[in-house]
């Protein structure tokens, strides 16, 4: 069973770092829910290193910021 604390720690770290870089992003931006789902899916697939999950989450957010990508789902 997946440890929810690992996913929560990775999510918090990635979202905090993203918002430090993108200060105009609101705390409750829709990308937040997308990031949380993304990290939980990766954790459920077996990735249990919070650092790796956070980095993957930041990469995911960067992809969402690319033109043509949708973060509203």
N, C-alpha and C. Protein backbone atom coordinates (compact mmCIF):
# COMPACT_ATOMS: atom_id res chain seq x y z
N UNK A 1 0.85 -1.19 0.00
CA UNK A 1 0.00 0.00 0.00
C UNK A 1 0.89 1.24 0.00
N UNK A 2 0.48 2.23 -0.74
CA UNK A 2 1.25 3.47 -0.88
C UNK A 2 1.18 4.29 0.40
N UNK A 3 2.32 4.87 0.77
CA UNK A 3 2.39 5.73 1.95
C UNK A 3 1.93 7.13 1.57
N UNK A 4 0.79 7.59 2.08
CA UNK A 4 0.27 8.91 1.69
C UNK A 4 1.18 10.05 2.14
N UNK A 5 1.99 9.83 3.18
CA UNK A 5 2.88 10.90 3.63
C UNK A 5 3.95 11.22 2.60
N UNK A 6 4.41 10.22 1.87
CA UNK A 6 5.41 10.44 0.82
C UNK A 6 4.83 11.33 -0.26
N UNK A 7 3.63 11.01 -0.71
CA UNK A 7 2.97 11.81 -1.75
C UNK A 7 2.68 13.21 -1.25
N UNK A 8 2.23 13.33 -0.01
CA UNK A 8 1.91 14.65 0.55
C UNK A 8 3.16 15.51 0.66
N UNK A 9 4.25 14.91 1.13
CA UNK A 9 5.51 15.66 1.26
C UNK A 9 6.01 16.12 -0.10
N UNK A 10 5.94 15.23 -1.09
CA UNK A 10 6.40 15.58 -2.43
C UNK A 10 5.52 16.67 -3.03
N UNK A 11 4.21 16.54 -2.84
CA UNK A 11 3.29 17.55 -3.36
C UNK A 11 3.57 18.91 -2.74
N UNK A 12 3.70 18.95 -1.43
CA UNK A 12 3.94 20.22 -0.73
C UNK A 12 5.24 20.86 -1.21
N UNK A 13 6.27 20.07 -1.36
CA UNK A 13 7.56 20.60 -1.80
C UNK A 13 7.46 21.13 -3.23
N UNK A 14 6.86 20.36 -4.12
CA UNK A 14 6.77 20.79 -5.52
C UNK A 14 5.89 22.03 -5.68
N UNK A 15 4.74 22.05 -5.02
CA UNK A 15 3.83 23.18 -5.15
C UNK A 15 4.45 24.44 -4.55
N UNK A 16 5.12 24.31 -3.43
CA UNK A 16 5.78 25.47 -2.81
C UNK A 16 6.88 26.03 -3.71
N UNK A 17 7.69 25.14 -4.28
CA UNK A 17 8.77 25.59 -5.16
C UNK A 17 8.19 26.25 -6.41
N UNK A 18 7.15 25.66 -6.97
CA UNK A 18 6.53 26.22 -8.16
C UNK A 18 5.99 27.62 -7.88
N UNK A 19 5.36 27.80 -6.74
CA UNK A 19 4.80 29.10 -6.41
C UNK A 19 5.87 30.13 -6.07
N UNK A 20 7.02 29.69 -5.59
CA UNK A 20 8.13 30.62 -5.37
C UNK A 20 8.65 31.15 -6.71
N UNK A 21 8.67 30.27 -7.71
CA UNK A 21 9.14 30.66 -9.03
C UNK A 21 8.08 31.47 -9.77
N UNK A 22 6.82 31.12 -9.56
CA UNK A 22 5.69 31.74 -10.25
C UNK A 22 4.80 32.43 -9.22
N UNK A 23 5.24 33.55 -8.75
CA UNK A 23 4.56 34.22 -7.64
C UNK A 23 3.17 34.74 -7.98
N UNK A 24 2.85 34.79 -9.26
CA UNK A 24 1.52 35.26 -9.65
C UNK A 24 0.47 34.14 -9.61
N UNK A 25 0.90 32.91 -9.34
CA UNK A 25 -0.01 31.77 -9.28
C UNK A 25 -0.67 31.73 -7.91
N UNK A 26 -1.99 31.67 -7.91
CA UNK A 26 -2.78 31.61 -6.68
C UNK A 26 -2.60 30.26 -5.99
N UNK A 27 -2.66 30.26 -4.68
CA UNK A 27 -2.53 29.03 -3.89
C UNK A 27 -3.52 27.96 -4.33
N UNK A 28 -4.72 28.35 -4.73
CA UNK A 28 -5.76 27.40 -5.10
C UNK A 28 -5.95 27.29 -6.62
N UNK A 29 -4.91 27.58 -7.37
CA UNK A 29 -4.93 27.47 -8.82
C UNK A 29 -5.29 26.02 -9.21
N UNK A 30 -5.96 25.86 -10.34
CA UNK A 30 -6.38 24.53 -10.80
C UNK A 30 -5.19 23.59 -11.03
N UNK A 31 -4.02 24.14 -11.30
CA UNK A 31 -2.83 23.29 -11.49
C UNK A 31 -2.49 22.53 -10.21
N UNK A 32 -2.91 23.06 -9.08
CA UNK A 32 -2.65 22.41 -7.80
C UNK A 32 -3.28 21.02 -7.77
N UNK A 33 -4.54 20.92 -8.17
CA UNK A 33 -5.23 19.63 -8.17
C UNK A 33 -4.60 18.68 -9.20
N UNK A 34 -4.21 19.22 -10.35
CA UNK A 34 -3.55 18.39 -11.37
C UNK A 34 -2.24 17.84 -10.84
N UNK A 35 -1.48 18.68 -10.16
CA UNK A 35 -0.21 18.24 -9.58
C UNK A 35 -0.43 17.16 -8.53
N UNK A 36 -1.41 17.36 -7.68
CA UNK A 36 -1.67 16.38 -6.62
C UNK A 36 -2.04 15.02 -7.23
N UNK A 37 -2.89 15.02 -8.24
CA UNK A 37 -3.26 13.77 -8.92
C UNK A 37 -2.04 13.12 -9.55
N UNK A 38 -1.22 13.93 -10.22
CA UNK A 38 -0.03 13.43 -10.89
C UNK A 38 0.90 12.74 -9.89
N UNK A 39 1.18 13.41 -8.79
CA UNK A 39 2.10 12.85 -7.79
C UNK A 39 1.51 11.58 -7.17
N UNK A 40 0.25 11.59 -6.84
CA UNK A 40 -0.37 10.39 -6.25
C UNK A 40 -0.35 9.22 -7.23
N UNK A 41 -0.56 9.48 -8.51
CA UNK A 41 -0.49 8.41 -9.51
C UNK A 41 0.92 7.83 -9.57
N UNK A 42 1.92 8.70 -9.54
CA UNK A 42 3.31 8.22 -9.58
C UNK A 42 3.63 7.43 -8.32
N UNK A 43 3.15 7.90 -7.17
CA UNK A 43 3.38 7.18 -5.91
C UNK A 43 2.70 5.82 -5.95
N UNK A 44 1.49 5.78 -6.45
CA UNK A 44 0.76 4.52 -6.53
C UNK A 44 1.41 3.55 -7.52
N UNK A 45 2.17 4.07 -8.47
CA UNK A 45 2.86 3.21 -9.43
C UNK A 45 4.17 2.66 -8.87
N UNK A 46 4.53 3.10 -7.65
CA UNK A 46 5.70 2.51 -7.01
C UNK A 46 6.85 3.44 -6.71
N UNK A 47 6.79 4.67 -7.13
CA UNK A 47 7.87 5.62 -6.81
C UNK A 47 7.67 6.07 -5.38
N UNK A 48 8.66 5.80 -4.53
CA UNK A 48 8.48 6.12 -3.11
C UNK A 48 9.50 7.10 -2.56
N UNK A 49 10.26 7.73 -3.44
CA UNK A 49 11.24 8.74 -3.03
C UNK A 49 10.59 10.12 -3.16
N UNK A 50 10.38 10.83 -2.04
CA UNK A 50 9.71 12.13 -2.12
C UNK A 50 10.46 13.14 -2.98
N UNK A 51 11.79 13.07 -3.00
CA UNK A 51 12.57 13.99 -3.84
C UNK A 51 12.29 13.74 -5.33
N UNK A 52 12.29 12.47 -5.71
CA UNK A 52 12.03 12.13 -7.11
C UNK A 52 10.61 12.53 -7.50
N UNK A 53 9.67 12.31 -6.61
CA UNK A 53 8.29 12.70 -6.88
C UNK A 53 8.15 14.21 -7.03
N UNK A 54 8.82 14.96 -6.16
CA UNK A 54 8.75 16.43 -6.23
C UNK A 54 9.35 16.94 -7.53
N UNK A 55 10.49 16.39 -7.93
CA UNK A 55 11.13 16.81 -9.18
C UNK A 55 10.23 16.46 -10.37
N UNK A 56 9.66 15.25 -10.36
CA UNK A 56 8.74 14.86 -11.43
C UNK A 56 7.54 15.81 -11.46
N UNK A 57 7.06 16.20 -10.28
CA UNK A 57 5.94 17.13 -10.21
C UNK A 57 6.28 18.49 -10.79
N UNK A 58 7.47 18.98 -10.51
CA UNK A 58 7.89 20.27 -11.07
C UNK A 58 8.02 20.19 -12.59
N UNK A 59 8.53 19.08 -13.08
CA UNK A 59 8.62 18.90 -14.53
C UNK A 59 7.22 18.87 -15.14
N UNK A 60 6.31 18.20 -14.46
CA UNK A 60 4.93 18.14 -14.91
C UNK A 60 4.33 19.54 -15.00
N UNK A 61 4.51 20.33 -13.97
CA UNK A 61 3.99 21.70 -13.97
C UNK A 61 4.61 22.53 -15.09
N UNK A 62 5.89 22.34 -15.32
CA UNK A 62 6.56 23.07 -16.40
C UNK A 62 5.94 22.71 -17.74
N UNK A 63 5.63 21.43 -17.93
CA UNK A 63 4.99 21.01 -19.17
C UNK A 63 3.62 21.65 -19.32
N UNK A 64 2.89 21.76 -18.21
CA UNK A 64 1.56 22.37 -18.26
C UNK A 64 1.64 23.84 -18.68
N UNK A 65 2.76 24.48 -18.37
CA UNK A 65 2.92 25.89 -18.70
C UNK A 65 3.27 26.11 -20.18
N UNK A 66 3.56 25.02 -20.91
CA UNK A 66 3.91 25.15 -22.32
C UNK A 66 2.66 25.49 -23.12
N UNK A 67 2.82 26.30 -24.16
CA UNK A 67 1.68 26.63 -25.02
C UNK A 67 1.02 25.36 -25.56
N UNK A 68 -0.29 25.37 -25.55
CA UNK A 68 -1.04 24.23 -26.08
C UNK A 68 -1.35 23.16 -25.07
N UNK A 69 -0.76 23.22 -23.88
CA UNK A 69 -1.03 22.24 -22.84
C UNK A 69 -2.20 22.73 -21.99
N UNK A 70 -3.05 21.82 -21.58
CA UNK A 70 -4.19 22.18 -20.76
C UNK A 70 -4.04 21.59 -19.37
N UNK A 71 -4.22 22.40 -18.36
CA UNK A 71 -4.17 21.92 -16.98
C UNK A 71 -5.56 21.87 -16.39
N UNK A 72 -6.53 22.23 -17.18
CA UNK A 72 -7.93 22.15 -16.71
C UNK A 72 -8.52 20.86 -17.22
N UNK A 73 -8.74 19.92 -16.31
CA UNK A 73 -9.35 18.66 -16.74
C UNK A 73 -10.44 18.22 -15.81
